[in-house]
Each structure stands twice: as structure tokens, then as C-alpha cells.
Amino acid sequence: MSASHGIALIGSRGKMGRALAHLIEGELASSCALVASLHTQSDDRDWSKALSADVWIDFSLARSTQRLHSVLASGRGPSGLPAIVIGTTGHSASERAMLDELATLTRVLQASNFSTGVLALKKALEFISPLLGDSGFRPLMVETHHVHKKDAPSGTALTLAAATRGLTDERIYSIRAGEVIGDHRVEFHGHGERLSFEHHAQSREIFARGALQAALWMAGRHRRERTGTGWLTLDDFFEEKLACLK
């Protein structure tokens, strides 16, 4: 597997897991290979097989963190522990502590949204919101998702809110309707004018593609520097990607 990176999927039976497998086994087969597909019924043999991967991508449930932690904390693949990319959100304090412990053993990247467009929107809000705030603009956010989504505000909404100076929780409005994949609109209201920034997800493939791109970046970095540990962010990925374009 020297020419490609080994990927293990956690939560392989979910919508995101299936989308990731489709990309790995199809369009991106030349750059990665599916080493293991894990789900709630997977046995110890499957989990042990996953240790041979370069990187794990987790889109399961927060409660799966304990199993993920126990396998990685007690096992080791032929080249050390795999890096971990986590798209799961809603972790409890104890589950978060387990992830923090894993970050002392290997590289860990967690994000609420792997869309390139959302990442670009986050960077834009970090830049523009202080300028608008100093000019008297007040921000608010409207986020819309399908009726099956349990958390409100969404993880993406909270990420964008954290990037927007002056946007408080009470000014985030959550709508759950139909089968909307994910819409986020941040508005800045000034004196006689309004400025809006929007992102509309039209396919779940954008999240799978972004997560896989981040995972391949992690796998490459991890393969070069097997001793590396700690938390990484999509900002690290984005900045390194931009640096390569200069």
C-alpha cells in the first residue's frame, strides 16, 4: 500500500460512511484504500484490522468514543497508531476527555463541517465581523436542517458563531424542516443596510469529500512523522493547502 493511504471508516453504515466508501473505492481509489469498515456490530478482529490503516475517519456516534479509545489506547499497528479524523459531534465531557487523551498518543482532527465552502465562510467571518462590529453592525444567524437532526443549533452553526464577533447564542435561529441538508446564513444589520453571507449544502458528498481530503493530508503528514501527536484543525489543513498554491 506504499502508493496509497490506508483508510478505516468508523460508522460505515451511516450516510456519511457510505458516501466516504463510495469515494474511496471509486474516484479516489488511486490515492487511498479501504482497510476496514466498522460499525456497531463489528467484532474485535475488525477493530484490530483497522489498526493497520494510516488514518481513521469517524462519522459514527459520540457514544462510540469509548470503543475507539479502548482500541487505540491498547493496540498499535505495524507502523504505530493511525491518525484520526472525527466528524462526529455532541461528545460529553467524559468522551471529550478520552479524545484529549488520544491526542497525546496520535494526531487528532475534529470538525463539525468538512465543506470547503464552510471553511472559507468561517475565514471570511473571522476577517469581516470585527470591521463591521466597529461600524455598528449586529450579527445574527439563521440555520436550517432536515427534521431528523437532533441538535440545535447545529455544530456548524456554533463553529461559525465562534468565528463571528458579537454573535451570541440568543441570536442564532434554528429551523428544522423537510429534508434540507444544511443552510447557514449570517446577517449583519447596520444603520439602513444589511450584509449577508450564506452557504447552502446541496449534497452530502461535499462533507465526505472534504473529510477525505483532510484525512489524506493527515495520513501523509503522519506517515512522514510517525512520532507526531496532538490536535490539528481544518485551519491547519487550509493554511498548508493555501501555502502550496503560492
Protein backbone atom coordinates (compact mmCIF):
# COMPACT_ATOMS: atom_id res chain seq x y z
CA MET A 1 0.00 0.00 0.00
CA SER A 2 3.02 2.24 -0.45
CA ALA A 3 1.38 4.20 -3.27
CA SER A 4 -1.82 4.91 -1.35
CA HIS A 5 -3.02 5.57 2.17
CA GLY A 6 -4.99 3.03 4.16
CA ILE A 7 -8.32 4.30 5.49
CA ALA A 8 -10.54 2.79 8.19
CA LEU A 9 -14.13 4.02 8.42
CA ILE A 10 -15.93 4.19 11.76
CA GLY A 11 -19.69 4.42 11.27
CA SER A 12 -19.53 2.79 7.84
CA ARG A 13 -23.26 2.03 7.66
CA GLY A 14 -24.37 5.64 8.05
CA LYS A 15 -25.00 8.11 5.23
CA MET A 16 -21.57 9.67 5.58
CA GLY A 17 -19.85 6.32 5.90
CA ARG A 18 -21.45 5.09 2.68
CA ALA A 19 -20.55 8.34 0.88
CA LEU A 20 -16.93 8.02 2.01
CA ALA A 21 -16.70 4.37 0.94
CA HIS A 22 -18.10 5.31 -2.48
CA LEU A 23 -15.34 7.90 -2.98
CA ILE A 24 -12.55 5.68 -1.61
CA GLU A 25 -13.48 2.70 -3.75
CA GLY A 26 -14.27 4.78 -6.81
CA GLU A 27 -12.98 8.20 -7.76
CA LEU A 28 -10.10 8.27 -5.26
CA ALA A 29 -9.06 4.62 -5.45
CA SER A 30 -5.62 5.57 -6.77
CA SER A 31 -4.74 7.59 -3.66
CA CYS A 32 -6.34 5.55 -0.86
CA ALA A 33 -7.64 2.10 0.02
CA LEU A 34 -10.34 0.96 2.43
CA VAL A 35 -8.66 -1.17 5.10
CA ALA A 36 -11.66 -1.66 7.41
CA SER A 37 -15.33 -0.67 7.66
CA LEU A 38 -16.50 -0.55 11.27
CA HIS A 39 -20.00 -0.28 12.75
CA THR A 40 -21.80 -1.07 16.00
CA GLN A 41 -21.75 -4.84 15.34
CA SER A 42 -18.06 -5.03 14.39
CA ASP A 43 -16.05 -7.55 16.42
CA ASP A 44 -12.57 -7.29 17.90
CA ARG A 45 -10.98 -8.80 14.79
CA ASP A 46 -12.35 -5.97 12.63
CA TRP A 47 -11.12 -3.34 15.07
CA SER A 48 -7.66 -4.94 15.18
CA LYS A 49 -7.55 -4.90 11.37
CA ALA A 50 -8.27 -1.16 11.42
CA LEU A 51 -5.02 -0.56 13.32
CA SER A 52 -3.09 -1.23 10.10
CA ALA A 53 -4.64 1.88 8.49
CA ASP A 54 -2.80 5.18 8.18
CA VAL A 55 -5.85 7.16 9.30
CA TRP A 56 -9.29 6.53 10.80
CA ILE A 57 -12.33 8.59 9.76
CA ASP A 58 -15.05 8.58 12.41
CA PHE A 59 -18.61 9.53 11.47
CA SER A 60 -20.34 7.30 14.00
CA LEU A 61 -22.00 8.39 17.25
CA ALA A 62 -20.46 10.15 20.22
CA ARG A 63 -21.08 7.06 22.38
CA SER A 64 -18.72 5.08 20.13
CA THR A 65 -15.82 7.13 21.51
CA GLN A 66 -15.25 4.70 24.38
CA ARG A 67 -14.71 1.78 21.99
CA LEU A 68 -12.50 3.89 19.74
CA HIS A 69 -10.48 4.97 22.77
CA SER A 70 -10.05 1.46 24.19
CA VAL A 71 -8.83 0.05 20.86
CA LEU A 72 -6.33 2.83 20.15
CA ALA A 73 -5.09 3.09 23.73
CA SER A 74 -4.32 -0.63 23.95
CA GLY A 75 -3.41 -1.53 20.35
CA ARG A 76 -0.84 -0.48 17.81
CA GLY A 77 -0.48 -1.14 14.11
CA PRO A 78 2.73 -2.17 12.30
CA SER A 79 3.75 1.47 11.89
CA GLY A 80 2.29 2.89 15.09
CA LEU A 81 -1.13 4.33 15.78
CA PRO A 82 -3.20 5.72 12.91
CA ALA A 83 -4.15 9.39 12.84
CA ILE A 84 -7.83 10.16 13.50
CA VAL A 85 -10.26 12.46 11.67
CA ILE A 86 -13.53 12.93 13.56
CA GLY A 87 -16.74 14.29 12.08
CA THR A 88 -18.89 13.14 14.99
CA THR A 89 -20.15 15.91 17.31
CA GLY A 90 -22.09 16.12 20.59
CA HIS A 91 -19.46 14.47 22.81
CA SER A 92 -19.98 14.53 26.58
CA ALA A 93 -17.29 15.85 28.90
CA SER A 94 -16.00 12.32 29.58
CA GLU A 95 -15.94 11.47 25.87
CA ARG A 96 -14.10 14.68 25.13
CA ALA A 97 -11.56 13.75 27.81
CA MET A 98 -10.99 10.43 26.01
CA LEU A 99 -10.33 12.29 22.75
CA ASP A 100 -7.90 14.60 24.55
CA GLU A 101 -6.07 11.52 25.84
CA LEU A 102 -5.89 10.07 22.32
CA ALA A 103 -4.35 13.35 21.15
CA THR A 104 -1.40 12.57 23.45
CA LEU A 105 -0.88 9.31 21.53
CA THR A 106 -1.51 10.33 17.90
CA ARG A 107 -2.73 13.18 15.72
CA VAL A 108 -6.43 14.03 16.03
CA LEU A 109 -8.50 16.40 13.90
CA GLN A 110 -12.17 17.08 14.68
CA ALA A 111 -14.54 19.35 12.75
CA SER A 112 -18.29 19.91 12.68
CA ASN A 113 -18.27 20.51 8.93
CA PHE A 114 -15.70 19.49 6.30
CA SER A 115 -17.10 21.56 3.44
CA THR A 116 -14.50 23.76 1.75
CA GLY A 117 -17.20 26.42 1.32
CA VAL A 118 -18.00 26.46 5.05
CA LEU A 119 -14.30 26.69 5.89
CA ALA A 120 -13.94 29.65 3.51
CA LEU A 121 -17.04 31.25 5.07
CA LYS A 122 -15.55 30.82 8.54
CA LYS A 123 -12.34 32.55 7.47
CA ALA A 124 -14.34 35.38 5.86
CA LEU A 125 -16.39 35.90 9.04
CA GLU A 126 -13.24 35.99 11.17
CA PHE A 127 -11.96 38.81 8.99
CA ILE A 128 -15.11 40.85 8.34
CA SER A 129 -17.03 40.68 11.63
CA PRO A 130 -14.62 42.86 13.67
CA LEU A 131 -14.67 45.51 10.93
CA LEU A 132 -18.48 45.50 10.76
CA GLY A 133 -18.82 45.41 14.54
CA ASP A 134 -16.71 48.54 14.87
CA SER A 135 -19.11 50.20 12.42
CA GLY A 136 -22.20 49.38 14.47
CA PHE A 137 -23.42 46.24 12.65
CA ARG A 138 -25.03 43.49 14.73
CA PRO A 139 -24.86 39.85 13.54
CA LEU A 140 -27.48 37.12 13.62
CA MET A 141 -27.64 33.64 12.12
CA VAL A 142 -30.39 31.51 10.63
CA GLU A 143 -29.56 27.83 10.17
CA THR A 144 -31.88 25.26 8.59
CA HIS A 145 -31.58 21.47 8.60
CA HIS A 146 -33.78 18.44 7.97
CA VAL A 147 -36.40 17.40 10.53
CA HIS A 148 -34.33 14.38 11.63
CA LYS A 149 -31.46 16.47 13.01
CA LYS A 150 -31.44 16.26 16.80
CA ASP A 151 -29.08 19.06 17.83
CA ALA A 152 -29.92 22.75 17.57
CA PRO A 153 -28.02 24.90 16.91
CA SER A 154 -26.02 22.68 14.60
CA GLY A 155 -22.32 22.07 15.15
CA THR A 156 -21.60 24.11 12.03
CA ALA A 157 -23.69 27.00 13.36
CA LEU A 158 -21.69 27.00 16.59
CA THR A 159 -18.41 26.92 14.65
CA LEU A 160 -19.47 29.89 12.51
CA ALA A 161 -20.78 31.73 15.57
CA ALA A 162 -17.41 31.32 17.28
CA ALA A 163 -15.80 32.92 14.22
CA THR A 164 -18.22 35.88 14.26
CA ARG A 165 -17.53 38.61 16.79
CA GLY A 166 -20.67 39.68 18.63
CA LEU A 167 -22.85 36.72 17.60
CA THR A 168 -24.42 35.38 20.79
CA ASP A 169 -26.44 32.17 21.27
CA GLU A 170 -29.75 34.01 21.51
CA ARG A 171 -29.21 35.46 18.03
CA ILE A 172 -28.92 32.02 16.40
CA TYR A 173 -32.26 30.85 14.96
CA SER A 174 -32.60 27.15 14.18
CA ILE A 175 -35.18 25.76 11.74
CA ARG A 176 -35.85 22.04 11.25
CA ALA A 177 -37.91 21.44 8.12
CA GLY A 178 -38.21 18.90 5.32
CA GLU A 179 -35.04 17.22 4.09
CA VAL A 180 -32.74 20.28 3.97
CA ILE A 181 -29.13 19.07 4.11
CA GLY A 182 -27.82 22.27 5.66
CA ASP A 183 -28.23 26.00 5.09
CA HIS A 184 -26.41 28.68 7.11
CA ARG A 185 -26.93 32.44 6.72
CA VAL A 186 -25.12 35.07 8.77
CA GLU A 187 -26.56 38.57 8.52
CA PHE A 188 -25.03 41.83 9.69
CA HIS A 189 -27.60 44.58 10.35
CA GLY A 190 -26.37 48.15 10.31
CA HIS A 191 -28.00 51.58 10.10
CA GLY A 192 -30.05 51.39 6.92
CA GLU A 193 -28.18 48.47 5.40
CA ARG A 194 -27.76 44.71 5.71
CA LEU A 195 -24.97 42.40 4.62
CA SER A 196 -25.47 38.61 4.28
CA PHE A 197 -23.13 35.63 3.99
CA GLU A 198 -24.68 32.28 3.06
CA HIS A 199 -23.73 28.68 2.48
CA HIS A 200 -26.09 26.04 1.07
CA ALA A 201 -25.16 22.36 1.12
CA GLN A 202 -26.72 20.69 -1.91
CA SER A 203 -25.16 17.24 -1.47
CA ARG A 204 -23.72 15.27 1.45
CA GLU A 205 -20.83 14.37 -0.82
CA ILE A 206 -19.22 17.75 -0.08
CA PHE A 207 -18.74 16.69 3.55
CA ALA A 208 -17.41 13.26 2.60
CA ARG A 209 -15.03 14.73 0.02
CA GLY A 210 -13.74 17.36 2.46
CA ALA A 211 -13.26 14.82 5.26
CA LEU A 212 -11.39 12.50 2.92
CA GLN A 213 -9.14 15.31 1.68
CA ALA A 214 -8.33 16.21 5.29
CA ALA A 215 -7.73 12.53 6.11
CA LEU A 216 -5.31 12.09 3.19
CA TRP A 217 -3.46 15.22 4.31
CA MET A 218 -3.31 13.80 7.86
CA ALA A 219 -2.20 10.38 6.60
CA GLY A 220 0.61 11.90 4.52
CA ARG A 221 1.83 14.01 7.39
CA HIS A 222 1.52 11.10 9.81
CA ARG A 223 3.40 8.73 7.52
CA ARG A 224 6.27 11.21 7.25
CA GLU A 225 6.40 11.96 11.00
CA ARG A 226 5.17 8.90 12.89
CA THR A 227 6.06 10.37 16.28
CA GLY A 228 3.66 13.32 15.92
CA THR A 229 0.78 13.81 18.35
CA GLY A 230 -1.74 16.49 19.29
CA TRP A 231 -4.80 18.23 17.97
CA LEU A 232 -4.86 19.59 14.42
CA THR A 233 -7.60 21.71 12.87
CA LEU A 234 -9.07 22.36 9.45
CA ASP A 235 -7.37 25.75 9.68
CA ASP A 236 -4.02 23.91 9.71
CA PHE A 237 -5.12 21.95 6.62
CA PHE A 238 -6.46 25.06 4.89
CA GLU A 239 -3.34 27.13 5.56
CA GLU A 240 -0.99 24.39 4.37
CA LYS A 241 -3.12 23.90 1.27
CA LEU A 242 -3.02 27.63 0.50
CA ALA A 243 0.73 27.73 1.10
CA CYS A 244 1.18 25.11 -1.62
CA LEU A 245 -0.59 27.43 -4.08
CA LYS A 246 1.74 30.38 -3.50
